[in-house]
Protein backbone atom coordinates (compact mmCIF):
# COMPACT_ATOMS: atom_id res chain seq x y z
CA UNK A 1 17.14 -24.62 -0.53
CA UNK A 2 14.74 -23.54 2.24
CA UNK A 3 11.11 -24.53 1.66
CA UNK A 4 9.90 -20.92 1.79
CA UNK A 5 12.41 -19.83 -0.86
CA UNK A 6 11.41 -22.78 -3.08
CA UNK A 7 7.73 -21.94 -2.73
CA UNK A 8 8.30 -18.33 -3.73
CA UNK A 9 10.51 -19.35 -6.63
CA UNK A 10 7.73 -21.61 -7.90
CA UNK A 11 5.16 -18.82 -7.54
CA UNK A 12 7.36 -16.39 -9.48
CA UNK A 13 8.02 -18.93 -12.21
CA UNK A 14 4.30 -19.62 -12.63
CA UNK A 15 3.52 -15.90 -12.74
CA UNK A 16 6.19 -15.27 -15.37
CA UNK A 17 4.63 -17.90 -17.65
CA UNK A 18 1.10 -16.57 -17.30
CA UNK A 19 -0.52 -13.55 -18.94
CA UNK A 20 -2.40 -12.41 -15.84
CA UNK A 21 0.00 -9.78 -14.54
CA UNK A 22 0.13 -9.36 -10.77
CA UNK A 23 -3.12 -11.29 -10.44
CA UNK A 24 -1.05 -14.45 -11.04
CA UNK A 25 0.75 -13.89 -7.73
CA UNK A 26 -1.42 -14.67 -4.68
CA UNK A 27 -0.49 -12.11 -1.98
CA UNK A 28 -1.27 -14.46 0.92
CA UNK A 29 0.91 -17.28 -0.48
CA UNK A 30 3.77 -14.88 -1.20
CA UNK A 31 3.56 -13.53 2.34
CA UNK A 32 3.62 -17.03 3.81
CA UNK A 33 6.67 -17.90 1.72
CA UNK A 34 8.47 -14.92 3.27
CA UNK A 35 7.26 -15.67 6.82
CA UNK A 36 5.27 -12.43 6.79
CA UNK A 37 1.68 -11.76 7.83
CA UNK A 38 0.89 -9.68 4.77
CA UNK A 39 2.18 -8.13 1.55
CA UNK A 40 0.94 -5.29 -0.60
CA UNK A 41 1.97 -3.41 -3.73
CA UNK A 42 1.21 0.28 -4.12
CA UNK A 43 1.83 2.25 -7.30
CA UNK A 44 2.93 5.87 -7.41
CA UNK A 45 0.29 8.25 -8.75
CA UNK A 46 -0.49 11.95 -8.39
CA UNK A 47 -2.36 11.40 -5.12
CA UNK A 48 0.46 9.45 -3.50
CA UNK A 49 0.39 5.66 -3.49
CA UNK A 50 -2.46 3.62 -4.97
CA UNK A 51 -2.92 0.21 -3.33
CA UNK A 52 -3.34 -2.30 -6.18
CA UNK A 53 -2.19 -5.74 -4.96
CA UNK A 54 -3.13 -7.14 -1.57
CA UNK A 55 -5.05 -9.85 0.24
CA UNK A 56 -8.55 -8.54 1.06
CA UNK A 57 -8.41 -10.60 4.28
CA UNK A 58 -5.31 -8.68 5.45
CA UNK A 59 -7.25 -6.04 7.36
CA UNK A 60 -4.28 -4.96 9.49
CA UNK A 61 -2.03 -4.45 6.48
CA UNK A 62 -4.68 -2.57 4.54
CA UNK A 63 -5.35 -0.33 7.54
CA UNK A 64 -1.65 0.54 7.82
CA UNK A 65 -1.39 1.33 4.10
CA UNK A 66 -4.51 3.51 4.33
CA UNK A 67 -3.03 5.31 7.33
CA UNK A 68 0.16 6.06 5.40
CA UNK A 69 -1.91 7.26 2.45
CA UNK A 70 -3.99 9.53 4.68
CA UNK A 71 -0.98 11.07 6.43
CA UNK A 72 1.46 11.05 3.53
CA UNK A 73 4.27 9.57 5.61
CA UNK A 74 5.63 6.19 6.66
CA UNK A 75 7.88 3.38 5.41
CA UNK A 76 6.02 2.87 2.11
CA UNK A 77 5.99 6.61 1.38
CA UNK A 78 9.72 6.92 2.12
CA UNK A 79 10.61 3.93 -0.07
CA UNK A 80 8.59 5.39 -2.95
CA UNK A 81 10.14 8.85 -2.51
CA UNK A 82 13.78 7.81 -2.08
CA UNK A 83 13.93 4.63 -4.14
CA UNK A 84 15.62 2.89 -1.20
CA UNK A 85 14.43 0.03 1.01
CA UNK A 86 12.97 1.07 4.34
CA UNK A 87 13.34 -1.64 6.98
CA UNK A 88 11.57 -1.16 10.32
CA UNK A 89 11.96 -4.21 12.59
CA UNK A 90 9.85 -2.58 15.32
CA UNK A 91 7.56 0.41 14.83
CA UNK A 92 7.27 0.87 18.59
CA UNK A 93 10.92 1.87 19.02
CA UNK A 94 11.17 4.30 16.08
CA UNK A 95 11.68 7.90 17.29
CA UNK A 96 8.47 9.93 16.95
CA UNK A 97 10.21 12.66 14.95
CA UNK A 98 10.79 10.27 12.04
CA UNK A 99 7.07 10.01 11.25
CA UNK A 100 5.40 12.37 13.76
CA UNK A 101 1.85 11.83 12.53
CA UNK A 102 2.05 8.13 11.69
CA UNK A 103 3.79 6.62 14.71
CA UNK A 104 1.36 7.68 17.45
CA UNK A 105 -1.54 6.38 15.36
CA UNK A 106 0.31 3.20 14.36
CA UNK A 107 0.66 2.18 18.00
CA UNK A 108 -3.06 1.45 17.97
CA UNK A 109 -2.56 -1.00 15.09
CA UNK A 110 -1.32 -4.59 15.44
CA UNK A 111 1.49 -4.16 12.88
CA UNK A 112 4.93 -4.12 14.51
CA UNK A 113 7.46 -4.75 11.71
CA UNK A 114 7.36 -3.20 8.23
CA UNK A 115 9.60 -3.81 5.23
CA UNK A 116 9.11 -1.47 2.24
CA UNK A 117 11.00 -2.20 -0.98
CA UNK A 118 10.86 0.17 -3.97
CA UNK A 119 9.66 -1.12 -7.32
CA UNK A 120 11.92 0.52 -9.86
CA UNK A 121 13.92 -0.09 -13.00
CA UNK A 122 16.82 2.32 -13.36
CA UNK A 123 15.42 5.80 -12.80
CA UNK A 124 11.83 4.63 -13.33
CA UNK A 125 10.00 4.36 -10.01
CA UNK A 126 6.74 2.47 -10.17
CA UNK A 127 5.79 1.95 -6.55
CA UNK A 128 6.49 -0.08 -3.42
CA UNK A 129 6.25 -3.66 -2.19
CA UNK A 130 5.43 -3.55 1.52
CA UNK A 131 5.57 -6.53 3.86
CA UNK A 132 4.44 -6.52 7.47
CA UNK A 133 4.35 -8.66 10.58
CA UNK A 134 2.51 -8.42 13.88
CA UNK A 135 5.67 -9.50 15.70
CA UNK A 136 8.84 -7.36 15.84
CA UNK A 137 12.15 -8.48 14.40
CA UNK A 138 14.24 -8.24 11.23
CA UNK A 139 14.05 -10.41 8.14
CA UNK A 140 16.68 -13.10 7.80
CA UNK A 141 19.22 -12.75 5.02
CA UNK A 142 17.39 -15.44 3.02
CA UNK A 143 14.02 -13.74 3.55
CA UNK A 144 15.36 -10.37 2.44
CA UNK A 145 16.92 -11.95 -0.65
CA UNK A 146 13.58 -13.55 -1.50
CA UNK A 147 11.68 -10.31 -0.85
CA UNK A 148 14.00 -8.44 -3.20
CA UNK A 149 13.44 -11.12 -5.83
CA UNK A 150 9.69 -10.67 -5.44
CA UNK A 151 10.05 -6.88 -5.77
CA UNK A 152 12.10 -7.33 -8.95
CA UNK A 153 9.56 -9.77 -10.39
CA UNK A 154 6.65 -7.45 -9.55
CA UNK A 155 8.46 -4.58 -11.24
CA UNK A 156 9.01 -6.56 -14.44
CA UNK A 157 5.40 -7.78 -14.43
CA UNK A 158 4.11 -4.22 -14.06
CA UNK A 159 6.16 -3.14 -17.06
CA UNK A 160 4.46 -5.71 -19.30
CA UNK A 161 1.16 -5.07 -21.12
CA UNK A 162 -0.60 -7.70 -19.00
CA UNK A 163 0.70 -6.15 -15.79
CA UNK A 164 -0.72 -2.74 -16.67
CA UNK A 165 -3.94 -4.21 -18.08
CA UNK A 166 -4.79 -5.93 -14.81
CA UNK A 167 -4.73 -2.70 -12.82
CA UNK A 168 -8.39 -1.93 -12.36
CA UNK A 169 -9.34 -5.18 -14.09
CA UNK A 170 -8.37 -8.41 -12.38
CA UNK A 171 -6.82 -6.38 -9.55
CA UNK A 172 -9.24 -4.16 -7.63
CA UNK A 173 -8.35 -0.53 -6.98
CA UNK A 174 -8.69 -0.36 -3.23
CA UNK A 175 -9.05 3.41 -3.15
CA UNK A 176 -11.42 3.91 -6.08
CA UNK A 177 -14.06 5.16 -3.62
CA UNK A 178 -11.68 7.87 -2.39
CA UNK A 179 -11.11 9.11 -5.93
CA UNK A 180 -14.86 9.05 -6.52
CA UNK A 181 -15.39 11.14 -3.37
CA UNK A 182 -12.69 13.61 -4.40
CA UNK A 183 -14.36 13.99 -7.78
CA UNK A 184 -17.70 14.59 -6.09
CA UNK A 185 -16.22 17.31 -3.86
CA UNK A 186 -14.48 18.89 -6.84
CA UNK A 187 -17.79 19.15 -8.66
CA UNK A 188 -19.91 20.26 -5.67
CA UNK A 189 -17.47 22.86 -4.32
CA UNK A 190 -15.83 23.90 -7.61
CA UNK A 191 -12.33 23.23 -6.28
CA UNK A 192 -9.28 21.49 -7.80
CA UNK A 193 -9.14 17.72 -7.40
CA UNK A 194 -5.96 17.95 -5.31
CA UNK A 195 -7.68 20.26 -2.83
CA UNK A 196 -10.69 17.94 -2.65
CA UNK A 197 -8.45 14.99 -1.85
CA UNK A 198 -6.54 17.02 0.75
CA UNK A 199 -9.82 17.89 2.49
CA UNK A 200 -10.82 14.23 2.69
CA UNK A 201 -7.42 13.27 4.10
CA UNK A 202 -7.43 16.09 6.63
CA UNK A 203 -10.95 15.23 7.80
CA UNK A 204 -10.06 11.57 8.24
CA UNK A 205 -6.97 12.47 10.28
CA UNK A 206 -8.51 15.14 12.52
CA UNK A 207 -11.59 13.00 13.24
CA UNK A 208 -9.59 9.76 13.68
CA UNK A 209 -11.65 7.96 11.04
CA UNK A 210 -10.76 5.52 8.28
CA UNK A 211 -10.36 7.45 5.03
CA UNK A 212 -12.56 4.98 3.15
CA UNK A 213 -15.39 5.62 5.64
CA UNK A 214 -15.05 9.37 5.11
CA UNK A 215 -15.09 8.88 1.34
CA UNK A 216 -18.21 6.75 1.59
CA UNK A 217 -19.95 9.52 3.57
CA UNK A 218 -19.02 12.08 0.93
CA UNK A 219 -20.26 9.94 -1.96
CA UNK A 220 -23.57 9.28 -0.21
CA UNK A 221 -23.92 12.88 1.03
CA UNK A 222 -23.62 11.94 4.70
CA UNK A 223 -20.72 14.31 5.32
CA UNK A 224 -20.63 18.04 5.98
CA UNK A 225 -17.43 18.38 3.93
CA UNK A 226 -19.57 19.64 1.04
CA UNK A 227 -22.04 21.54 3.18
CA UNK A 228 -24.41 18.59 3.60
CA UNK A 229 -25.39 17.96 7.25
CA UNK A 230 -23.84 14.66 8.47
């Protein structure tokens, strides 16, 4: 058995015996076992995909997930919507019409290969496991088999009481600031929460800014989105 597959098998076995939910699976170690530069899990919610499991040091992966969240398109979004794996060995050769907003922006990011696997059980879709690399190329058959095993394990963990309990507890909600900003705009402008979130996303896209930075400005009243001078 390849060393990487054995390492991942051991990680999954340890996680299954713990009561820590996804927090028992170290994202960086799982990524290394799959010969990837980063891994993340996003859960489906009313705003799109909520990033809940990731390595805080994986700045490139987080930035790509935030970009997909801002634009509402990309491999992770497609996997969540269709319930099918989305394998992109090289983002730089994907036709622009597939993701017309994402691809031009993604060329400024170091991520080259993306592998998005849906987290689902039957007709129940929970979210997406997304792996990425800074070098182009497909996964090997063994790597894909291991990635699918990780996606299945993550799905089962999320369906347990401990898996749900850790969301927002042991596992940080990466986009909590965005939801806080949307709530602030909803209150200040007397608009629906969905409209408030759409305004934040649109502002981030049109001004080529990270959505978390825009949210921080809104929360601290440094943005003109609510009529406050920036």
